[in-house]
């Protein structure tokens, strides 16, 4: 039996709005799993979660994009997010072009394996609701949600320079995305196999 080993890379971005023509990226959140450490125990993987949350407090938008691409373009990476295909990746792509990033690199980004949890939720669970929010589905599935800030609050928080709140919101979105993936992992694998026509067993390293 053939196996496809993928490294999960969880992604969330915060922006000043919905249009990359007029709006900007103000935070990038990346979660990976440090499964290569000598002390790694697959049964206690949550101890080895590695979170990188970068904001415009310390970095330019160009630097945020470069940092995100560093993780997303790793060989064997599988990008996992909520509405990541419909929003995060296209927004990063557009703003990267605006910041004069290499088109070839961005083309390769679109070739990386991707799991959009919104697609999984609306295909397998809520087929009549194409725009269910992350907080709503996590609450429905009994995942503890600790996120009083919403995406609509980000532009105002950015204007006020309240980067700690932006960072907190980004972390909570990553946390919710991660736990939603773990809850729906088998459905995510099935969705990945169908999306990419994979006739093999998919294994996520570290999970």
C-alpha atoms as a PDB file:
ATOM      1  CA  UNK A   1       0.000   0.000   0.000  1.00  0.00           C
ATOM      2  CA  UNK A   2       1.287   3.455  -0.902  1.00  0.00           C
ATOM      3  CA  UNK A   3       1.482   6.236   1.667  1.00  0.00           C
ATOM      4  CA  UNK A   4       1.540  10.002   1.252  1.00  0.00           C
ATOM      5  CA  UNK A   5       3.188  11.692   4.242  1.00  0.00           C
ATOM      6  CA  UNK A   6       2.200  15.316   4.712  1.00  0.00           C
ATOM      7  CA  UNK A   7       3.331  17.896   7.243  1.00  0.00           C
ATOM      8  CA  UNK A   8       0.358  19.894   8.595  1.00  0.00           C
ATOM      9  CA  UNK A   9       0.764  23.675   8.525  1.00  0.00           C
ATOM     10  CA  UNK A  10      -2.173  25.551  10.040  1.00  0.00           C
ATOM     11  CA  UNK A  11      -2.728  29.047   8.661  1.00  0.00           C
ATOM     12  CA  UNK A  12      -4.733  32.098   9.670  1.00  0.00           C
ATOM     13  CA  UNK A  13      -4.350  35.703   8.570  1.00  0.00           C
ATOM     14  CA  UNK A  14      -5.914  38.903   9.836  1.00  0.00           C
ATOM     15  CA  UNK A  15      -6.599  41.771   7.454  1.00  0.00           C
ATOM     16  CA  UNK A  16      -8.039  45.283   7.419  1.00  0.00           C
ATOM     17  CA  UNK A  17     -10.851  44.127   5.140  1.00  0.00           C
ATOM     18  CA  UNK A  18     -11.946  41.638   2.515  1.00  0.00           C
ATOM     19  CA  UNK A  19     -10.402  43.141  -0.631  1.00  0.00           C
ATOM     20  CA  UNK A  20      -6.655  42.729  -1.288  1.00  0.00           C
ATOM     21  CA  UNK A  21      -6.945  45.659  -3.712  1.00  0.00           C
ATOM     22  CA  UNK A  22      -7.615  48.089  -0.874  1.00  0.00           C
ATOM     23  CA  UNK A  23      -6.848  46.197   2.339  1.00  0.00           C
ATOM     24  CA  UNK A  24      -3.710  44.814   3.940  1.00  0.00           C
ATOM     25  CA  UNK A  25      -2.491  41.863   5.977  1.00  0.00           C
ATOM     26  CA  UNK A  26      -1.904  42.894   9.590  1.00  0.00           C
ATOM     27  CA  UNK A  27      -1.187  39.505  11.183  1.00  0.00           C
ATOM     28  CA  UNK A  28      -0.129  36.023  10.145  1.00  0.00           C
ATOM     29  CA  UNK A  29      -0.584  32.958  12.331  1.00  0.00           C
ATOM     30  CA  UNK A  30       1.176  29.656  11.636  1.00  0.00           C
ATOM     31  CA  UNK A  31       0.927  26.480  13.711  1.00  0.00           C
ATOM     32  CA  UNK A  32       3.192  23.495  13.129  1.00  0.00           C
ATOM     33  CA  UNK A  33       4.085  20.410  15.149  1.00  0.00           C
ATOM     34  CA  UNK A  34       7.646  19.829  16.273  1.00  0.00           C
ATOM     35  CA  UNK A  35       7.474  16.078  15.759  1.00  0.00           C
ATOM     36  CA  UNK A  36      11.216  15.746  15.071  1.00  0.00           C
ATOM     37  CA  UNK A  37      12.323  16.556  18.599  1.00  0.00           C
ATOM     38  CA  UNK A  38      13.873  13.623  20.452  1.00  0.00           C
ATOM     39  CA  UNK A  39      11.294  13.882  23.226  1.00  0.00           C
ATOM     40  CA  UNK A  40       8.321  13.864  20.847  1.00  0.00           C
ATOM     41  CA  UNK A  41       5.480  11.585  21.917  1.00  0.00           C
ATOM     42  CA  UNK A  42       2.679  11.196  19.338  1.00  0.00           C
ATOM     43  CA  UNK A  43       0.176  10.586  22.133  1.00  0.00           C
ATOM     44  CA  UNK A  44       1.017  13.957  23.668  1.00  0.00           C
ATOM     45  CA  UNK A  45       1.342  15.959  20.459  1.00  0.00           C
ATOM     46  CA  UNK A  46      -0.333  19.050  21.921  1.00  0.00           C
ATOM     47  CA  UNK A  47       2.789  19.615  24.027  1.00  0.00           C
ATOM     48  CA  UNK A  48       4.774  20.054  20.830  1.00  0.00           C
ATOM     49  CA  UNK A  49       2.626  22.637  19.046  1.00  0.00           C
ATOM     50  CA  UNK A  50       4.680  25.501  17.669  1.00  0.00           C
ATOM     51  CA  UNK A  51       2.810  28.774  17.142  1.00  0.00           C
ATOM     52  CA  UNK A  52       4.186  31.727  15.201  1.00  0.00           C
ATOM     53  CA  UNK A  53       2.010  34.835  15.306  1.00  0.00           C
ATOM     54  CA  UNK A  54       3.503  37.897  13.646  1.00  0.00           C
ATOM     55  CA  UNK A  55       1.863  41.318  13.449  1.00  0.00           C
ATOM     56  CA  UNK A  56       2.436  44.692  11.864  1.00  0.00           C
ATOM     57  CA  UNK A  57       3.633  45.959  15.220  1.00  0.00           C
ATOM     58  CA  UNK A  58       7.060  44.480  14.461  1.00  0.00           C
ATOM     59  CA  UNK A  59       6.991  43.610  10.764  1.00  0.00           C
ATOM     60  CA  UNK A  60       6.003  45.147   7.450  1.00  0.00           C
ATOM     61  CA  UNK A  61       3.355  43.457   5.329  1.00  0.00           C
ATOM     62  CA  UNK A  62       6.094  42.267   2.979  1.00  0.00           C
ATOM     63  CA  UNK A  63       7.913  40.626   5.899  1.00  0.00           C
ATOM     64  CA  UNK A  64       4.701  38.965   7.109  1.00  0.00           C
ATOM     65  CA  UNK A  65       4.160  37.469   3.666  1.00  0.00           C
ATOM     66  CA  UNK A  66       7.770  36.258   3.451  1.00  0.00           C
ATOM     67  CA  UNK A  67       7.445  34.587   6.848  1.00  0.00           C
ATOM     68  CA  UNK A  68       4.194  32.890   5.847  1.00  0.00           C
ATOM     69  CA  UNK A  69       5.660  31.625   2.571  1.00  0.00           C
ATOM     70  CA  UNK A  70       8.648  30.208   4.454  1.00  0.00           C
ATOM     71  CA  UNK A  71       6.329  27.754   6.206  1.00  0.00           C
ATOM     72  CA  UNK A  72       3.720  27.253   3.506  1.00  0.00           C
ATOM     73  CA  UNK A  73       6.270  26.383   0.821  1.00  0.00           C
ATOM     74  CA  UNK A  74       8.008  23.637   2.773  1.00  0.00           C
ATOM     75  CA  UNK A  75       8.305  20.355   0.928  1.00  0.00           C
ATOM     76  CA  UNK A  76       5.480  18.018   1.889  1.00  0.00           C
ATOM     77  CA  UNK A  77       3.448  20.745   3.573  1.00  0.00           C
ATOM     78  CA  UNK A  78      -0.330  20.544   3.681  1.00  0.00           C
ATOM     79  CA  UNK A  79      -1.896  23.946   4.314  1.00  0.00           C
ATOM     80  CA  UNK A  80      -4.876  23.711   6.654  1.00  0.00           C
ATOM     81  CA  UNK A  81      -7.225  26.562   7.458  1.00  0.00           C
ATOM     82  CA  UNK A  82     -10.805  27.742   7.595  1.00  0.00           C
ATOM     83  CA  UNK A  83     -11.817  29.351   4.281  1.00  0.00           C
ATOM     84  CA  UNK A  84      -8.146  29.131   3.390  1.00  0.00           C
ATOM     85  CA  UNK A  85      -8.881  28.402  -0.284  1.00  0.00           C
ATOM     86  CA  UNK A  86     -11.493  31.122  -0.625  1.00  0.00           C
ATOM     87  CA  UNK A  87      -9.748  33.834   1.384  1.00  0.00           C
ATOM     88  CA  UNK A  88      -6.343  33.363   3.048  1.00  0.00           C
ATOM     89  CA  UNK A  89      -4.327  31.973   0.143  1.00  0.00           C
ATOM     90  CA  UNK A  90      -5.806  34.274  -2.543  1.00  0.00           C
ATOM     91  CA  UNK A  91      -5.331  37.286  -0.249  1.00  0.00           C
ATOM     92  CA  UNK A  92      -1.712  36.348   0.425  1.00  0.00           C
ATOM     93  CA  UNK A  93      -1.148  35.792  -3.296  1.00  0.00           C
ATOM     94  CA  UNK A  94      -2.576  39.167  -4.286  1.00  0.00           C
ATOM     95  CA  UNK A  95      -0.739  41.106  -1.590  1.00  0.00           C
ATOM     96  CA  UNK A  96       2.474  39.234  -2.386  1.00  0.00           C
ATOM     97  CA  UNK A  97       2.229  40.366  -5.994  1.00  0.00           C
ATOM     98  CA  UNK A  98       1.573  43.907  -4.784  1.00  0.00           C
ATOM     99  CA  UNK A  99       4.754  43.646  -2.702  1.00  0.00           C
ATOM    100  CA  UNK A 100       6.627  42.366  -5.780  1.00  0.00           C
ATOM    101  CA  UNK A 101       7.157  38.768  -4.737  1.00  0.00           C
ATOM    102  CA  UNK A 102       8.214  36.251  -7.372  1.00  0.00           C
ATOM    103  CA  UNK A 103       5.286  35.023  -9.470  1.00  0.00           C
ATOM    104  CA  UNK A 104       6.911  31.594  -9.799  1.00  0.00           C
ATOM    105  CA  UNK A 105       6.914  31.144  -6.027  1.00  0.00           C
ATOM    106  CA  UNK A 106       3.249  32.095  -5.813  1.00  0.00           C
ATOM    107  CA  UNK A 107       2.412  29.650  -8.585  1.00  0.00           C
ATOM    108  CA  UNK A 108       4.107  26.886  -6.600  1.00  0.00           C
ATOM    109  CA  UNK A 109       2.128  27.929  -3.517  1.00  0.00           C
ATOM    110  CA  UNK A 110      -1.089  27.116  -5.355  1.00  0.00           C
ATOM    111  CA  UNK A 111       0.262  23.625  -6.023  1.00  0.00           C
ATOM    112  CA  UNK A 112       0.681  22.763  -2.360  1.00  0.00           C
ATOM    113  CA  UNK A 113      -1.806  20.362  -0.812  1.00  0.00           C
ATOM    114  CA  UNK A 114      -4.582  22.279   0.948  1.00  0.00           C
ATOM    115  CA  UNK A 115      -7.436  21.399   3.267  1.00  0.00           C
ATOM    116  CA  UNK A 116     -10.141  24.015   3.642  1.00  0.00           C
ATOM    117  CA  UNK A 117     -12.147  23.108   6.722  1.00  0.00           C
ATOM    118  CA  UNK A 118     -15.036  25.271   5.549  1.00  0.00           C
ATOM    119  CA  UNK A 119     -15.290  23.049   2.470  1.00  0.00           C
ATOM    120  CA  UNK A 120     -15.208  19.938   4.647  1.00  0.00           C
ATOM    121  CA  UNK A 121     -17.930  21.306   6.934  1.00  0.00           C
ATOM    122  CA  UNK A 122     -20.226  22.359   4.092  1.00  0.00           C
ATOM    123  CA  UNK A 123     -19.662  19.180   2.078  1.00  0.00           C
ATOM    124  CA  UNK A 124     -20.090  16.636   4.856  1.00  0.00           C
ATOM    125  CA  UNK A 125     -22.058  18.340   7.653  1.00  0.00           C
ATOM    126  CA  UNK A 126     -23.994  21.447   6.648  1.00  0.00           C
ATOM    127  CA  UNK A 127     -24.676  21.109   2.947  1.00  0.00           C
ATOM    128  CA  UNK A 128     -27.294  23.884   2.942  1.00  0.00           C
ATOM    129  CA  UNK A 129     -25.030  26.474   4.575  1.00  0.00           C
ATOM    130  CA  UNK A 130     -22.042  27.548   2.479  1.00  0.00           C
ATOM    131  CA  UNK A 131     -20.915  30.347   4.783  1.00  0.00           C
ATOM    132  CA  UNK A 132     -20.953  28.877   8.294  1.00  0.00           C
ATOM    133  CA  UNK A 133     -18.586  30.719  10.631  1.00  0.00           C
ATOM    134  CA  UNK A 134     -15.686  29.033  12.377  1.00  0.00           C
ATOM    135  CA  UNK A 135     -16.937  29.898  15.869  1.00  0.00           C
ATOM    136  CA  UNK A 136     -20.424  28.570  15.079  1.00  0.00           C
ATOM    137  CA  UNK A 137     -19.255  25.148  13.887  1.00  0.00           C
ATOM    138  CA  UNK A 138     -16.721  24.731  16.691  1.00  0.00           C
ATOM    139  CA  UNK A 139     -19.371  25.535  19.300  1.00  0.00           C
ATOM    140  CA  UNK A 140     -21.789  23.120  17.608  1.00  0.00           C
ATOM    141  CA  UNK A 141     -19.199  20.341  17.803  1.00  0.00           C
ATOM    142  CA  UNK A 142     -18.484  20.999  21.473  1.00  0.00           C
ATOM    143  CA  UNK A 143     -15.112  22.627  20.956  1.00  0.00           C
ATOM    144  CA  UNK A 144     -14.472  25.261  23.603  1.00  0.00           C
ATOM    145  CA  UNK A 145     -14.323  28.666  21.948  1.00  0.00           C
ATOM    146  CA  UNK A 146     -12.527  31.556  23.617  1.00  0.00           C
ATOM    147  CA  UNK A 147     -12.799  34.306  21.036  1.00  0.00           C
ATOM    148  CA  UNK A 148     -14.797  37.421  21.856  1.00  0.00           C
ATOM    149  CA  UNK A 149     -13.100  39.407  19.100  1.00  0.00           C
ATOM    150  CA  UNK A 150     -14.274  38.898  15.511  1.00  0.00           C
ATOM    151  CA  UNK A 151     -12.685  39.598  12.155  1.00  0.00           C
ATOM    152  CA  UNK A 152     -14.824  42.709  11.858  1.00  0.00           C
ATOM    153  CA  UNK A 153     -13.023  44.176  14.878  1.00  0.00           C
ATOM    154  CA  UNK A 154      -9.557  43.892  13.313  1.00  0.00           C
ATOM    155  CA  UNK A 155      -9.528  47.128  11.244  1.00  0.00           C
ATOM    156  CA  UNK A 156     -10.469  49.229  14.281  1.00  0.00           C
ATOM    157  CA  UNK A 157      -7.951  47.408  16.490  1.00  0.00           C
ATOM    158  CA  UNK A 158      -5.267  47.997  13.864  1.00  0.00           C
ATOM    159  CA  UNK A 159      -6.059  51.690  13.683  1.00  0.00           C
ATOM    160  CA  UNK A 160      -5.795  51.922  17.474  1.00  0.00           C
ATOM    161  CA  UNK A 161      -2.550  49.946  17.528  1.00  0.00           C
ATOM    162  CA  UNK A 162      -4.009  47.242  19.787  1.00  0.00           C
ATOM    163  CA  UNK A 163      -1.791  44.488  18.450  1.00  0.00           C
ATOM    164  CA  UNK A 164      -2.035  42.284  21.527  1.00  0.00           C
ATOM    165  CA  UNK A 165      -5.762  41.856  20.886  1.00  0.00           C
ATOM    166  CA  UNK A 166      -5.117  41.128  17.212  1.00  0.00           C
ATOM    167  CA  UNK A 167      -2.521  38.534  18.208  1.00  0.00           C
ATOM    168  CA  UNK A 168      -4.930  36.998  20.728  1.00  0.00           C
ATOM    169  CA  UNK A 169      -7.667  36.736  18.105  1.00  0.00           C
ATOM    170  CA  UNK A 170      -5.291  35.176  15.587  1.00  0.00           C
ATOM    171  CA  UNK A 171      -4.106  32.633  18.162  1.00  0.00           C
ATOM    172  CA  UNK A 172      -7.679  31.705  19.064  1.00  0.00           C
ATOM    173  CA  UNK A 173      -8.567  31.221  15.402  1.00  0.00           C
ATOM    174  CA  UNK A 174      -5.545  28.941  15.008  1.00  0.00           C
ATOM    175  CA  UNK A 175      -6.571  27.027  18.123  1.00  0.00           C
ATOM    176  CA  UNK A 176     -10.138  26.573  16.889  1.00  0.00           C
ATOM    177  CA  UNK A 177      -8.938  25.559  13.428  1.00  0.00           C
ATOM    178  CA  UNK A 178      -6.550  23.005  14.874  1.00  0.00           C
ATOM    179  CA  UNK A 179      -9.161  21.401  17.135  1.00  0.00           C
ATOM    180  CA  UNK A 180     -11.746  21.391  14.344  1.00  0.00           C
ATOM    181  CA  UNK A 181      -9.273  19.581  12.112  1.00  0.00           C
ATOM    182  CA  UNK A 182      -8.555  17.001  14.816  1.00  0.00           C
ATOM    183  CA  UNK A 183     -12.305  16.492  15.270  1.00  0.00           C
ATOM    184  CA  UNK A 184     -12.886  16.020  11.525  1.00  0.00           C
ATOM    185  CA  UNK A 185      -9.534  14.478  10.620  1.00  0.00           C
ATOM    186  CA  UNK A 186     -10.909  11.396   8.853  1.00  0.00           C
ATOM    187  CA  UNK A 187     -13.338  13.502   6.808  1.00  0.00           C
ATOM    188  CA  UNK A 188     -10.472  15.859   5.957  1.00  0.00           C
ATOM    189  CA  UNK A 189      -8.412  12.950   4.651  1.00  0.00           C
ATOM    190  CA  UNK A 190     -11.326  11.718   2.555  1.00  0.00           C
ATOM    191  CA  UNK A 191     -11.847  15.213   1.178  1.00  0.00           C
ATOM    192  CA  UNK A 192      -8.137  15.507   0.348  1.00  0.00           C
ATOM    193  CA  UNK A 193      -8.156  12.172  -1.459  1.00  0.00           C
ATOM    194  CA  UNK A 194     -11.153  13.207  -3.539  1.00  0.00           C
ATOM    195  CA  UNK A 195      -9.856  16.702  -4.279  1.00  0.00           C
ATOM    196  CA  UNK A 196      -6.479  15.492  -5.531  1.00  0.00           C
ATOM    197  CA  UNK A 197      -7.600  12.081  -6.839  1.00  0.00           C
ATOM    198  CA  UNK A 198      -5.239  10.278  -4.478  1.00  0.00           C
ATOM    199  CA  UNK A 199      -5.223   6.500  -4.587  1.00  0.00           C
ATOM    200  CA  UNK A 200      -3.138   6.069  -1.440  1.00  0.00           C
ATOM    201  CA  UNK A 201      -3.233   6.313   2.330  1.00  0.00           C
ATOM    202  CA  UNK A 202      -2.656   9.832   3.654  1.00  0.00           C
ATOM    203  CA  UNK A 203      -0.620  10.209   6.845  1.00  0.00           C
ATOM    204  CA  UNK A 204      -0.085  13.494   8.693  1.00  0.00           C
ATOM    205  CA  UNK A 205       3.317  13.527  10.333  1.00  0.00           C
ATOM    206  CA  UNK A 206       3.096  14.197  14.031  1.00  0.00           C
ATOM    207  CA  UNK A 207      -0.622  13.413  14.163  1.00  0.00           C
END
